[in-house]
C-alpha atoms as a PDB file:
ATOM      1  CA  MET A   1      83.900 -18.834 174.279  1.00  0.00           C
ATOM      2  CA  ILE A   2      86.362 -16.020 173.574  1.00  0.00           C
ATOM      3  CA  VAL A   3      84.769 -12.779 172.363  1.00  0.00           C
ATOM      4  CA  VAL A   4      86.413 -10.014 170.394  1.00  0.00           C
ATOM      5  CA  LEU A   5      84.764  -6.606 170.409  1.00  0.00           C
ATOM      6  CA  ALA A   6      85.934  -4.699 167.327  1.00  0.00           C
ATOM      7  CA  ASP A   7      85.067  -1.183 166.231  1.00  0.00           C
ATOM      8  CA  ASP A   8      84.863  -2.084 162.549  1.00  0.00           C
ATOM      9  CA  LEU A   9      84.196  -5.103 160.374  1.00  0.00           C
ATOM     10  CA  SER A  10      87.686  -5.514 158.950  1.00  0.00           C
ATOM     11  CA  GLY A  11      89.104  -5.644 162.473  1.00  0.00           C
ATOM     12  CA  ALA A  12      86.596  -8.320 163.457  1.00  0.00           C
ATOM     13  CA  THR A  13      87.391 -10.414 160.384  1.00  0.00           C
ATOM     14  CA  GLU A  14      91.121  -9.992 160.921  1.00  0.00           C
ATOM     15  CA  LEU A  15      90.950 -11.499 164.412  1.00  0.00           C
ATOM     16  CA  ALA A  16      88.640 -14.278 163.259  1.00  0.00           C
ATOM     17  CA  ALA A  17      91.359 -15.090 160.726  1.00  0.00           C
ATOM     18  CA  VAL A  18      93.980 -15.127 163.482  1.00  0.00           C
ATOM     19  CA  ALA A  19      91.845 -17.517 165.535  1.00  0.00           C
ATOM     20  CA  HIS A  20      91.483 -19.806 162.510  1.00  0.00           C
ATOM     21  CA  LEU A  21      95.259 -19.962 162.039  1.00  0.00           C
ATOM     22  CA  HIS A  22      95.558 -20.952 165.696  1.00  0.00           C
ATOM     23  CA  GLY A  23      93.242 -23.904 165.135  1.00  0.00           C
ATOM     24  CA  LEU A  24      90.172 -22.327 166.735  1.00  0.00           C
ATOM     25  CA  SER A  25      86.734 -22.234 165.119  1.00  0.00           C
ATOM     26  CA  ALA A  26      85.653 -18.650 164.535  1.00  0.00           C
ATOM     27  CA  GLU A  27      82.860 -16.508 163.191  1.00  0.00           C
ATOM     28  CA  VAL A  28      82.084 -12.821 162.792  1.00  0.00           C
ATOM     29  CA  GLN A  29      78.820 -11.309 163.958  1.00  0.00           C
ATOM     30  CA  THR A  30      77.328  -7.867 163.515  1.00  0.00           C
ATOM     31  CA  GLU A  31      74.948  -8.540 166.415  1.00  0.00           C
ATOM     32  CA  PHE A  32      76.163 -10.771 169.219  1.00  0.00           C
ATOM     33  CA  ASP A  33      74.496 -14.172 169.338  1.00  0.00           C
ATOM     34  CA  ALA A  34      75.748 -16.618 171.967  1.00  0.00           C
ATOM     35  CA  ASN A  35      74.075 -19.513 170.136  1.00  0.00           C
ATOM     36  CA  SER A  36      77.199 -20.361 168.204  1.00  0.00           C
ATOM     37  CA  GLN A  37      79.490 -23.374 168.089  1.00  0.00           C
ATOM     38  CA  ALA A  38      82.519 -21.172 167.416  1.00  0.00           C
ATOM     39  CA  ARG A  39      85.248 -20.931 170.038  1.00  0.00           C
ATOM     40  CA  VAL A  40      85.957 -17.330 169.010  1.00  0.00           C
ATOM     41  CA  ILE A  41      83.202 -14.840 168.161  1.00  0.00           C
ATOM     42  CA  ALA A  42      84.338 -11.497 166.751  1.00  0.00           C
ATOM     43  CA  VAL A  43      81.643  -8.837 167.083  1.00  0.00           C
ATOM     44  CA  ASP A  44      81.630  -5.686 164.966  1.00  0.00           C
ATOM     45  CA  THR A  45      80.144  -2.693 166.783  1.00  0.00           C
ATOM     46  CA  ASN A  46      80.661  -0.560 163.638  1.00  0.00           C
ATOM     47  CA  SER A  47      81.532   2.332 165.916  1.00  0.00           C
ATOM     48  CA  ARG A  48      84.743   3.786 164.493  1.00  0.00           C
ATOM     49  CA  THR A  49      83.037   6.391 162.352  1.00  0.00           C
ATOM     50  CA  CYS A  50      80.304   7.242 164.876  1.00  0.00           C
ATOM     51  CA  SER A  51      80.342  10.186 167.252  1.00  0.00           C
ATOM     52  CA  ARG A  52      82.140   9.535 170.525  1.00  0.00           C
ATOM     53  CA  GLU A  53      78.851   9.296 172.397  1.00  0.00           C
ATOM     54  CA  GLU A  54      77.362   6.841 169.915  1.00  0.00           C
ATOM     55  CA  SER A  55      80.496   4.679 169.880  1.00  0.00           C
ATOM     56  CA  VAL A  56      80.386   4.346 173.659  1.00  0.00           C
ATOM     57  CA  ALA A  57      76.677   3.543 173.548  1.00  0.00           C
ATOM     58  CA  ARG A  58      77.288   0.762 171.014  1.00  0.00           C
ATOM     59  CA  VAL A  59      80.076  -0.746 173.092  1.00  0.00           C
ATOM     60  CA  ARG A  60      77.857  -0.597 176.175  1.00  0.00           C
ATOM     61  CA  ALA A  61      74.958  -2.331 174.427  1.00  0.00           C
ATOM     62  CA  ALA A  62      77.127  -5.069 172.905  1.00  0.00           C
ATOM     63  CA  ALA A  63      79.057  -5.649 176.124  1.00  0.00           C
ATOM     64  CA  ALA A  64      75.853  -6.119 178.119  1.00  0.00           C
ATOM     65  CA  ARG A  65      74.803  -9.013 175.873  1.00  0.00           C
ATOM     66  CA  ILE A  66      78.298 -10.490 175.790  1.00  0.00           C
ATOM     67  CA  LEU A  67      78.835 -10.387 179.564  1.00  0.00           C
ATOM     68  CA  ALA A  68      75.473 -12.076 180.111  1.00  0.00           C
ATOM     69  CA  ALA A  69      76.832 -15.056 178.112  1.00  0.00           C
ATOM     70  CA  LYS A  70      79.819 -15.350 180.515  1.00  0.00           C
ATOM     71  CA  PRO A  71      82.661 -15.635 177.978  1.00  0.00           C
ATOM     72  CA  GLU A  72      86.086 -16.945 178.987  1.00  0.00           C
ATOM     73  CA  TRP A  73      87.544 -13.522 178.230  1.00  0.00           C
ATOM     74  CA  ILE A  74      86.969 -10.450 176.086  1.00  0.00           C
ATOM     75  CA  TYR A  75      89.475  -8.737 173.827  1.00  0.00           C
ATOM     76  CA  LYS A  76      88.912  -5.138 172.695  1.00  0.00           C
ATOM     77  CA  LYS A  77      90.129  -4.887 169.100  1.00  0.00           C
ATOM     78  CA  THR A  78      91.196  -1.416 167.981  1.00  0.00           C
ATOM     79  CA  ASP A  79      92.735   0.009 164.866  1.00  0.00           C
ATOM     80  CA  SER A  80      96.474  -0.665 164.832  1.00  0.00           C
ATOM     81  CA  VAL A  81      97.242   2.922 163.783  1.00  0.00           C
ATOM     82  CA  LEU A  82      95.059   4.457 166.467  1.00  0.00           C
ATOM     83  CA  ARG A  83      91.999   5.609 164.528  1.00  0.00           C
ATOM     84  CA  GLY A  84      88.652   5.745 166.281  1.00  0.00           C
ATOM     85  CA  HIS A  85      87.369   6.595 169.774  1.00  0.00           C
ATOM     86  CA  ILE A  86      89.831   4.215 171.377  1.00  0.00           C
ATOM     87  CA  ARG A  87      90.224   5.664 174.856  1.00  0.00           C
ATOM     88  CA  SER A  88      86.483   6.167 175.318  1.00  0.00           C
ATOM     89  CA  GLU A  89      85.596   2.633 174.198  1.00  0.00           C
ATOM     90  CA  ILE A  90      88.278   0.978 176.335  1.00  0.00           C
ATOM     91  CA  SER A  91      87.333   3.073 179.366  1.00  0.00           C
ATOM     92  CA  GLU A  92      83.675   2.105 178.995  1.00  0.00           C
ATOM     93  CA  LEU A  93      84.569  -1.570 178.701  1.00  0.00           C
ATOM     94  CA  LEU A  94      86.778  -1.323 181.778  1.00  0.00           C
ATOM     95  CA  VAL A  95      83.810  -0.103 183.810  1.00  0.00           C
ATOM     96  CA  LEU A  96      81.489  -2.777 182.454  1.00  0.00           C
ATOM     97  CA  THR A  97      83.913  -5.672 182.973  1.00  0.00           C
ATOM     98  CA  LYS A  98      85.045  -4.335 186.367  1.00  0.00           C
ATOM     99  CA  LYS A  99      88.678  -4.789 185.429  1.00  0.00           C
ATOM    100  CA  LYS A 100      91.294  -2.723 187.256  1.00  0.00           C
ATOM    101  CA  ARG A 101      93.261  -1.627 184.212  1.00  0.00           C
ATOM    102  CA  ALA A 102      93.689  -2.167 180.488  1.00  0.00           C
ATOM    103  CA  LEU A 103      96.816  -3.368 178.721  1.00  0.00           C
ATOM    104  CA  PHE A 104      96.597  -1.689 175.325  1.00  0.00           C
ATOM    105  CA  ILE A 105      98.982  -2.840 172.586  1.00  0.00           C
ATOM    106  CA  PRO A 106      98.135  -1.443 169.136  1.00  0.00           C
ATOM    107  CA  ALA A 107     101.558  -2.337 167.716  1.00  0.00           C
ATOM    108  CA  ASN A 108     101.968  -5.094 165.116  1.00  0.00           C
ATOM    109  CA  PRO A 109     105.762  -5.583 164.939  1.00  0.00           C
ATOM    110  CA  GLY A 110     105.365  -8.347 162.364  1.00  0.00           C
ATOM    111  CA  ARG A 111     104.030  -5.687 159.995  1.00  0.00           C
ATOM    112  CA  GLY A 112     106.612  -3.086 160.922  1.00  0.00           C
ATOM    113  CA  ARG A 113     104.246  -1.229 163.261  1.00  0.00           C
ATOM    114  CA  ILE A 114     105.972  -0.547 166.566  1.00  0.00           C
ATOM    115  CA  ILE A 115     105.964   1.805 169.539  1.00  0.00           C
ATOM    116  CA  ARG A 116     109.386   3.122 170.521  1.00  0.00           C
ATOM    117  CA  ALA A 117     109.873   5.703 173.281  1.00  0.00           C
ATOM    118  CA  GLY A 118     106.140   6.375 173.240  1.00  0.00           C
ATOM    119  CA  ARG A 119     106.039   7.119 169.499  1.00  0.00           C
ATOM    120  CA  TYR A 120     104.330   5.043 166.806  1.00  0.00           C
ATOM    121  CA  PHE A 121     106.299   4.039 163.707  1.00  0.00           C
ATOM    122  CA  VAL A 122     105.226   2.295 160.488  1.00  0.00           C
ATOM    123  CA  GLU A 123     108.199   0.630 158.776  1.00  0.00           C
ATOM    124  CA  GLY A 124     110.502   3.057 160.577  1.00  0.00           C
ATOM    125  CA  VAL A 125     108.500   6.160 159.606  1.00  0.00           C
ATOM    126  CA  PRO A 126     106.725   8.245 162.297  1.00  0.00           C
ATOM    127  CA  LEU A 127     102.960   7.813 162.023  1.00  0.00           C
ATOM    128  CA  ASP A 128     102.309  11.460 161.178  1.00  0.00           C
ATOM    129  CA  GLN A 129     104.660  11.210 158.177  1.00  0.00           C
ATOM    130  CA  THR A 130     102.845   8.236 156.628  1.00  0.00           C
ATOM    131  CA  VAL A 131      99.744   8.007 154.433  1.00  0.00           C
ATOM    132  CA  PHE A 132      97.698   8.006 157.658  1.00  0.00           C
ATOM    133  CA  ALA A 133      98.376  11.720 157.999  1.00  0.00           C
ATOM    134  CA  ASN A 134      95.781  12.109 155.231  1.00  0.00           C
ATOM    135  CA  ASP A 135      93.118   9.830 156.682  1.00  0.00           C
ATOM    136  CA  PRO A 136      89.715  11.476 156.018  1.00  0.00           C
ATOM    137  CA  ASP A 137      88.298  10.674 159.466  1.00  0.00           C
ATOM    138  CA  TYR A 138      91.302  10.499 161.823  1.00  0.00           C
ATOM    139  CA  PRO A 139      94.342  12.201 160.262  1.00  0.00           C
ATOM    140  CA  ALA A 140      97.528  11.441 162.188  1.00  0.00           C
ATOM    141  CA  THR A 141      98.929  14.806 163.295  1.00  0.00           C
ATOM    142  CA  THR A 142     101.491  13.332 165.678  1.00  0.00           C
ATOM    143  CA  SER A 143     103.276  10.037 166.311  1.00  0.00           C
ATOM    144  CA  ASN A 144     103.069  10.492 170.099  1.00  0.00           C
ATOM    145  CA  VAL A 145     100.747   7.716 171.297  1.00  0.00           C
ATOM    146  CA  ALA A 146      99.765   9.484 174.529  1.00  0.00           C
ATOM    147  CA  GLU A 147      98.729  12.595 172.606  1.00  0.00           C
ATOM    148  CA  ILE A 148      96.622  10.574 170.169  1.00  0.00           C
ATOM    149  CA  LEU A 149      94.995   8.427 172.829  1.00  0.00           C
ATOM    150  CA  GLY A 150      94.451  11.060 175.501  1.00  0.00           C
ATOM    151  CA  ARG A 151      95.437  10.645 179.116  1.00  0.00           C
ATOM    152  CA  ASP A 152      93.913   7.787 181.123  1.00  0.00           C
ATOM    153  CA  ASP A 153      95.884   6.335 184.026  1.00  0.00           C
ATOM    154  CA  SER A 154      93.908   3.080 183.828  1.00  0.00           C
ATOM    155  CA  ILE A 155      95.202   2.304 180.303  1.00  0.00           C
ATOM    156  CA  ASP A 156      98.802   1.098 179.987  1.00  0.00           C
ATOM    157  CA  VAL A 157     100.450   1.472 176.552  1.00  0.00           C
ATOM    158  CA  PRO A 158     103.930  -0.106 176.649  1.00  0.00           C
ATOM    159  CA  ASN A 159     106.683   0.194 174.081  1.00  0.00           C
ATOM    160  CA  ILE A 160     106.583  -2.774 171.690  1.00  0.00           C
ATOM    161  CA  GLU A 161     109.249  -3.458 169.083  1.00  0.00           C
ATOM    162  CA  SER A 162     109.245  -7.237 168.612  1.00  0.00           C
ATOM    163  CA  ALA A 163     107.294 -10.477 168.935  1.00  0.00           C
ATOM    164  CA  PRO A 164     109.206 -11.379 172.145  1.00  0.00           C
ATOM    165  CA  ASP A 165     107.940  -8.117 173.645  1.00  0.00           C
ATOM    166  CA  LEU A 166     104.377  -9.234 172.914  1.00  0.00           C
ATOM    167  CA  ALA A 167     104.954 -12.700 174.359  1.00  0.00           C
ATOM    168  CA  ARG A 168     106.511 -11.274 177.523  1.00  0.00           C
ATOM    169  CA  LEU A 169     103.592  -8.938 178.163  1.00  0.00           C
ATOM    170  CA  ALA A 170     101.013 -11.623 177.354  1.00  0.00           C
ATOM    171  CA  ARG A 171     102.460 -13.678 180.214  1.00  0.00           C
ATOM    172  CA  THR A 172     101.732 -10.830 182.663  1.00  0.00           C
ATOM    173  CA  VAL A 173      97.977 -10.833 181.975  1.00  0.00           C
ATOM    174  CA  ASN A 174      95.664 -11.880 184.798  1.00  0.00           C
ATOM    175  CA  GLU A 175      91.972 -11.662 185.684  1.00  0.00           C
ATOM    176  CA  SER A 176      92.211  -7.991 186.654  1.00  0.00           C
ATOM    177  CA  ILE A 177      93.439  -6.852 183.227  1.00  0.00           C
ATOM    178  CA  LEU A 178      91.413  -6.026 180.128  1.00  0.00           C
ATOM    179  CA  CYS A 179      93.452  -6.718 177.005  1.00  0.00           C
ATOM    180  CA  ALA A 180      93.061  -4.437 173.999  1.00  0.00           C
ATOM    181  CA  GLY A 181      94.856  -3.592 170.809  1.00  0.00           C
ATOM    182  CA  ALA A 182      95.793  -5.064 167.461  1.00  0.00           C
ATOM    183  CA  SER A 183      95.922  -8.575 166.013  1.00  0.00           C
ATOM    184  CA  GLU A 184      99.408  -9.687 167.069  1.00  0.00           C
ATOM    185  CA  PHE A 185      98.752  -9.103 170.774  1.00  0.00           C
ATOM    186  CA  PHE A 186      95.526 -11.099 170.435  1.00  0.00           C
ATOM    187  CA  ALA A 187      97.500 -13.926 168.817  1.00  0.00           C
ATOM    188  CA  ALA A 188      99.978 -13.886 171.697  1.00  0.00           C
ATOM    189  CA  LEU A 189      97.105 -14.385 174.152  1.00  0.00           C
ATOM    190  CA  LEU A 190      95.487 -17.367 172.416  1.00  0.00           C
ATOM    191  CA  PRO A 191      95.745 -20.802 174.064  1.00  0.00           C
ATOM    192  CA  ASN A 192      96.911 -22.589 170.908  1.00  0.00           C
ATOM    193  CA  PRO A 193     100.094 -21.882 168.963  1.00  0.00           C
ATOM    194  CA  ALA A 194      99.808 -20.868 165.326  1.00  0.00           C
ATOM    195  CA  GLN A 195      99.414 -23.824 162.980  1.00  0.00           C
ATOM    196  CA  THR A 196     100.495 -24.508 159.426  1.00  0.00           C
ATOM    197  CA  ILE A 197      97.218 -24.413 157.522  1.00  0.00           C
ATOM    198  CA  PRO A 198      97.403 -24.296 153.709  1.00  0.00           C
ATOM    199  CA  ALA A 199      96.112 -21.079 152.203  1.00  0.00           C
ATOM    200  CA  LEU A 200      93.388 -21.170 149.576  1.00  0.00           C
ATOM    201  CA  ALA A 201      94.676 -21.333 146.030  1.00  0.00           C
ATOM    202  CA  ARG A 202      94.105 -18.556 143.553  1.00  0.00           C
ATOM    203  CA  SER A 203      90.936 -18.898 141.514  1.00  0.00           C
ATOM    204  CA  SER A 204      90.191 -18.822 137.801  1.00  0.00           C
ATOM    205  CA  GLY A 205      86.549 -18.025 138.531  1.00  0.00           C
ATOM    206  CA  ARG A 206      84.875 -14.631 138.395  1.00  0.00           C
ATOM    207  CA  THR A 207      86.233 -12.208 140.985  1.00  0.00           C
ATOM    208  CA  LEU A 208      85.008  -8.822 142.189  1.00  0.00           C
ATOM    209  CA  TYR A 209      87.282  -6.425 144.091  1.00  0.00           C
ATOM    210  CA  VAL A 210      85.709  -3.610 146.085  1.00  0.00           C
ATOM    211  CA  CYS A 211      88.084  -0.904 147.335  1.00  0.00           C
ATOM    212  CA  GLY A 212      86.609   1.631 149.732  1.00  0.00           C
ATOM    213  CA  SER A 213      89.945   2.581 151.289  1.00  0.00           C
ATOM    214  CA  ALA A 214      91.623   5.873 150.421  1.00  0.00           C
ATOM    215  CA  ALA A 215      94.925   4.543 151.785  1.00  0.00           C
ATOM    216  CA  ALA A 216      94.836   1.453 149.569  1.00  0.00           C
ATOM    217  CA  TRP A 217      93.487   3.006 146.382  1.00  0.00           C
ATOM    218  CA  PRO A 218      96.768   4.107 144.683  1.00  0.00           C
ATOM    219  CA  ILE A 219      98.364   0.685 145.154  1.00  0.00           C
ATOM    220  CA  ARG A 220      95.224  -1.232 144.193  1.00  0.00           C
ATOM    221  CA  ARG A 221      94.817   0.801 141.012  1.00  0.00           C
ATOM    222  CA  LYS A 222      98.395   0.018 140.022  1.00  0.00           C
ATOM    223  CA  GLN A 223      98.014  -3.694 140.769  1.00  0.00           C
ATOM    224  CA  CYS A 224      94.867  -3.953 138.655  1.00  0.00           C
ATOM    225  CA  GLU A 225      96.405  -1.994 135.789  1.00  0.00           C
ATOM    226  CA  GLU A 226      99.439  -4.295 135.817  1.00  0.00           C
ATOM    227  CA  ARG A 227      97.154  -7.351 135.632  1.00  0.00           C
ATOM    228  CA  GLY A 228      94.779  -5.970 133.037  1.00  0.00           C
ATOM    229  CA  ILE A 229      91.843  -5.966 135.472  1.00  0.00           C
ATOM    230  CA  PRO A 230      89.309  -3.286 134.468  1.00  0.00           C
ATOM    231  CA  ILE A 231      88.589  -0.532 136.984  1.00  0.00           C
ATOM    232  CA  PHE A 232      85.158   1.072 137.370  1.00  0.00           C
ATOM    233  CA  LEU A 233      84.809   4.395 139.180  1.00  0.00           C
ATOM    234  CA  ASN A 234      81.405   5.621 138.005  1.00  0.00           C
ATOM    235  CA  LEU A 235      79.722   3.300 140.474  1.00  0.00           C
ATOM    236  CA  GLN A 236      76.130   2.484 139.528  1.00  0.00           C
ATOM    237  CA  ASN A 237      76.632   3.715 135.962  1.00  0.00           C
ATOM    238  CA  ASP A 238      79.129   0.871 135.433  1.00  0.00           C
ATOM    239  CA  VAL A 239      77.090  -2.046 136.786  1.00  0.00           C
ATOM    240  CA  ARG A 240      76.250  -3.498 133.378  1.00  0.00           C
ATOM    241  CA  GLU A 241      79.842  -3.503 132.107  1.00  0.00           C
ATOM    242  CA  ALA A 242      81.418  -4.639 135.391  1.00  0.00           C
ATOM    243  CA  SER A 243      79.035  -7.588 135.637  1.00  0.00           C
ATOM    244  CA  LYS A 244      80.283  -8.887 132.267  1.00  0.00           C
ATOM    245  CA  LYS A 245      83.928  -9.132 133.334  1.00  0.00           C
ATOM    246  CA  ASN A 246      85.752 -12.184 134.680  1.00  0.00           C
ATOM    247  CA  ALA A 247      87.497  -9.856 137.138  1.00  0.00           C
ATOM    248  CA  ALA A 248      86.731  -6.234 137.980  1.00  0.00           C
ATOM    249  CA  LEU A 249      87.585  -3.584 140.556  1.00  0.00           C
ATOM    250  CA  ILE A 250      85.019  -1.043 141.697  1.00  0.00           C
ATOM    251  CA  ALA A 251      86.270   1.854 143.805  1.00  0.00           C
ATOM    252  CA  ILE A 252      85.614   5.404 144.887  1.00  0.00           C
ATOM    253  CA  GLY A 253      88.968   6.521 143.441  1.00  0.00           C
ATOM    254  CA  ASP A 254      90.895   9.680 144.215  1.00  0.00           C
ATOM    255  CA  ALA A 255      88.523  12.226 142.665  1.00  0.00           C
ATOM    256  CA  PRO A 256      85.040  11.390 143.964  1.00  0.00           C
ATOM    257  CA  PRO A 257      82.050  13.707 143.478  1.00  0.00           C
ATOM    258  CA  THR A 258      82.452  16.669 145.823  1.00  0.00           C
ATOM    259  CA  ASP A 259      78.756  16.789 146.727  1.00  0.00           C
ATOM    260  CA  LEU A 260      78.871  13.419 148.546  1.00  0.00           C
ATOM    261  CA  SER A 261      80.197  12.797 152.055  1.00  0.00           C
ATOM    262  CA  PRO A 262      82.576   9.881 152.762  1.00  0.00           C
ATOM    263  CA  ARG A 263      79.661   7.922 154.268  1.00  0.00           C
ATOM    264  CA  GLN A 264      77.492   8.564 151.207  1.00  0.00           C
ATOM    265  CA  LEU A 265      80.319   7.376 148.957  1.00  0.00           C
ATOM    266  CA  GLU A 266      80.651   4.159 150.966  1.00  0.00           C
ATOM    267  CA  GLU A 267      76.928   3.545 150.662  1.00  0.00           C
ATOM    268  CA  ALA A 268      77.023   4.203 146.910  1.00  0.00           C
ATOM    269  CA  LEU A 269      79.912   1.769 146.506  1.00  0.00           C
ATOM    270  CA  ALA A 270      78.001  -0.862 148.504  1.00  0.00           C
ATOM    271  CA  ASP A 271      74.906  -0.314 146.342  1.00  0.00           C
ATOM    272  CA  THR A 272      77.004  -0.892 143.241  1.00  0.00           C
ATOM    273  CA  ALA A 273      78.562  -4.068 144.634  1.00  0.00           C
ATOM    274  CA  LYS A 274      75.116  -5.473 145.440  1.00  0.00           C
ATOM    275  CA  LEU A 275      73.802  -4.651 141.963  1.00  0.00           C
ATOM    276  CA  ILE A 276      76.780  -6.370 140.327  1.00  0.00           C
ATOM    277  CA  LEU A 277      76.412  -9.469 142.498  1.00  0.00           C
ATOM    278  CA  ASP A 278      72.709  -9.583 141.641  1.00  0.00           C
ATOM    279  CA  ALA A 279      73.455  -9.242 137.941  1.00  0.00           C
ATOM    280  CA  ALA A 280      76.056 -11.993 137.586  1.00  0.00           C
ATOM    281  CA  PRO A 281      77.453 -14.973 139.542  1.00  0.00           C
ATOM    282  CA  PHE A 282      80.854 -14.335 141.095  1.00  0.00           C
ATOM    283  CA  GLU A 283      83.007 -16.964 142.767  1.00  0.00           C
ATOM    284  CA  ARG A 284      84.893 -14.646 145.106  1.00  0.00           C
ATOM    285  CA  VAL A 285      84.496 -11.108 146.419  1.00  0.00           C
ATOM    286  CA  PHE A 286      87.327  -9.194 148.058  1.00  0.00           C
ATOM    287  CA  LEU A 287      86.215  -6.268 150.217  1.00  0.00           C
ATOM    288  CA  GLU A 288      88.714  -3.640 151.317  1.00  0.00           C
ATOM    289  CA  GLY A 289      87.972  -1.146 154.078  1.00  0.00           C
ATOM    290  CA  GLY A 290      85.889  -1.983 157.139  1.00  0.00           C
ATOM    291  CA  ALA A 291      83.133   0.587 156.659  1.00  0.00           C
ATOM    292  CA  THR A 292      82.687  -0.342 153.007  1.00  0.00           C
ATOM    293  CA  ALA A 293      82.599  -4.066 153.799  1.00  0.00           C
ATOM    294  CA  ALA A 294      80.001  -3.483 156.513  1.00  0.00           C
ATOM    295  CA  ALA A 295      77.833  -1.538 154.074  1.00  0.00           C
ATOM    296  CA  VAL A 296      78.033  -4.371 151.521  1.00  0.00           C
ATOM    297  CA  LEU A 297      77.029  -6.958 154.128  1.00  0.00           C
ATOM    298  CA  ARG A 298      74.061  -4.824 155.144  1.00  0.00           C
ATOM    299  CA  ARG A 299      72.928  -4.894 151.525  1.00  0.00           C
ATOM    300  CA  LEU A 300      73.203  -8.688 151.602  1.00  0.00           C
ATOM    301  CA  ASN A 301      71.358  -8.838 154.947  1.00  0.00           C
ATOM    302  CA  ALA A 302      74.293 -10.797 156.389  1.00  0.00           C
ATOM    303  CA  LYS A 303      74.740 -10.673 160.160  1.00  0.00           C
ATOM    304  CA  ARG A 304      77.083 -13.661 160.493  1.00  0.00           C
ATOM    305  CA  LEU A 305      80.174 -14.786 158.607  1.00  0.00           C
ATOM    306  CA  LEU A 306      81.677 -18.235 159.094  1.00  0.00           C
ATOM    307  CA  VAL A 307      85.406 -18.751 158.561  1.00  0.00           C
ATOM    308  CA  CYS A 308      85.915 -21.400 155.884  1.00  0.00           C
ATOM    309  CA  GLY A 309      89.617 -20.973 155.161  1.00  0.00           C
ATOM    310  CA  HIS A 310      92.194 -18.255 154.689  1.00  0.00           C
ATOM    311  CA  PHE A 311      94.105 -16.491 151.937  1.00  0.00           C
ATOM    312  CA  ALA A 312      96.952 -15.167 154.088  1.00  0.00           C
ATOM    313  CA  LYS A 313      97.833 -14.232 157.650  1.00  0.00           C
ATOM    314  CA  GLY A 314      95.015 -12.038 158.932  1.00  0.00           C
ATOM    315  CA  ILE A 315      92.855 -12.517 155.822  1.00  0.00           C
ATOM    316  CA  ALA A 316      90.220 -15.217 156.243  1.00  0.00           C
ATOM    317  CA  ALA A 317      87.748 -16.590 153.729  1.00  0.00           C
ATOM    318  CA  PHE A 318      84.125 -16.364 154.806  1.00  0.00           C
ATOM    319  CA  GLN A 319      80.775 -17.735 153.811  1.00  0.00           C
ATOM    320  CA  ILE A 320      77.375 -16.358 154.766  1.00  0.00           C
ATOM    321  CA  PRO A 321      75.464 -19.215 156.437  1.00  0.00           C
ATOM    322  CA  GLY A 322      72.314 -20.275 154.649  1.00  0.00           C
ATOM    323  CA  HIS A 323      73.121 -18.363 151.468  1.00  0.00           C
ATOM    324  CA  SER A 324      74.770 -19.169 148.156  1.00  0.00           C
ATOM    325  CA  PHE A 325      76.769 -15.936 148.037  1.00  0.00           C
ATOM    326  CA  PRO A 326      80.392 -16.257 146.918  1.00  0.00           C
ATOM    327  CA  ILE A 327      83.361 -16.718 149.222  1.00  0.00           C
ATOM    328  CA  MET A 328      84.341 -13.360 150.685  1.00  0.00           C
ATOM    329  CA  ALA A 329      87.493 -11.922 152.155  1.00  0.00           C
ATOM    330  CA  ILE A 330      87.599  -8.673 154.104  1.00  0.00           C
ATOM    331  CA  LYS A 331      90.668  -6.758 155.227  1.00  0.00           C
ATOM    332  CA  PRO A 332      91.729  -3.365 156.558  1.00  0.00           C
ATOM    333  CA  GLY A 333      92.637  -0.928 153.820  1.00  0.00           C
ATOM    334  CA  SER A 334      96.093  -0.372 155.274  1.00  0.00           C
ATOM    335  CA  TYR A 335      97.244  -3.981 154.695  1.00  0.00           C
ATOM    336  CA  PRO A 336      98.106  -5.498 151.292  1.00  0.00           C
ATOM    337  CA  TRP A 337      96.268  -8.232 149.445  1.00  0.00           C
ATOM    338  CA  GLN A 338      98.422 -11.325 148.994  1.00  0.00           C
ATOM    339  CA  GLU A 339      99.297 -12.760 145.599  1.00  0.00           C
ATOM    340  CA  ASN A 340      96.778 -15.609 145.779  1.00  0.00           C
ATOM    341  CA  VAL A 341      93.783 -13.241 145.687  1.00  0.00           C
ATOM    342  CA  TRP A 342      94.529 -12.358 142.072  1.00  0.00           C
ATOM    343  CA  PRO A 343      93.067 -14.575 139.329  1.00  0.00           C
END
């Protein structure tokens, strides 16, 4: 058993998707359960938006259960653009696993996300000059990785500019090292090479898109407008109309009510998604933004997601065991949907 400990749901689903493409059975859990036939279990601690103290407490509690199950190894999944209480969570896991040091690689060079001379770049642009400078929870005020992370001599963060860099560093890993970071480093560590597995075809059935990501909203609005997919921003006031459509997008938008906090908006969006799914049968649901996706799954009382296919690299298709809910896909808001998700 290989266990991934992620700080949000979209990160957990992303690595489950990676495992699937490497020919490994995988599932996502919101509470760790060792009674699984999956080779890879990705656990969401839902700790990115917590206080630092609470995030550490959640990692500690999850790690205690995971270590008792004696996994082959543990990977600490973090946000690729360095949002969250990364240093604190890695440091806590280092203590619990009794590893000597952590090799932390948040770069995803295949997506244009690299570290050069200690600075983080997205498609050649310094992190603090990208859309992540406006992140509501963790605005990027610098591209200097050490400044963002905070000093910790037990955490190594090497420069990474290419896939060969990842492969070279993966070969240096031994029992004394805790591996942490983004999806491409995890892929480099897996025992199986990536396989050619056909992606799921686009569907003509009813499709609901749920966008809880501020970073993704402008692009998603444009894509839906170009395809004639109706957009609903009034949340619960739009349930009746949205449930009548063959395809619909519900989102917070760029001008949400000022009297609601970001967390309250996520919960309201999740409430709306649940009401729509209760009102009409949908074939597929695409959830964007880890916190929003987690809120929707809580409404559905879903604690496990089984990988049943994939739409694209890093975007798996999931089913909730024991339920007739539609196929779901969940992704980070900072990555694009692929063409085959559109009806």
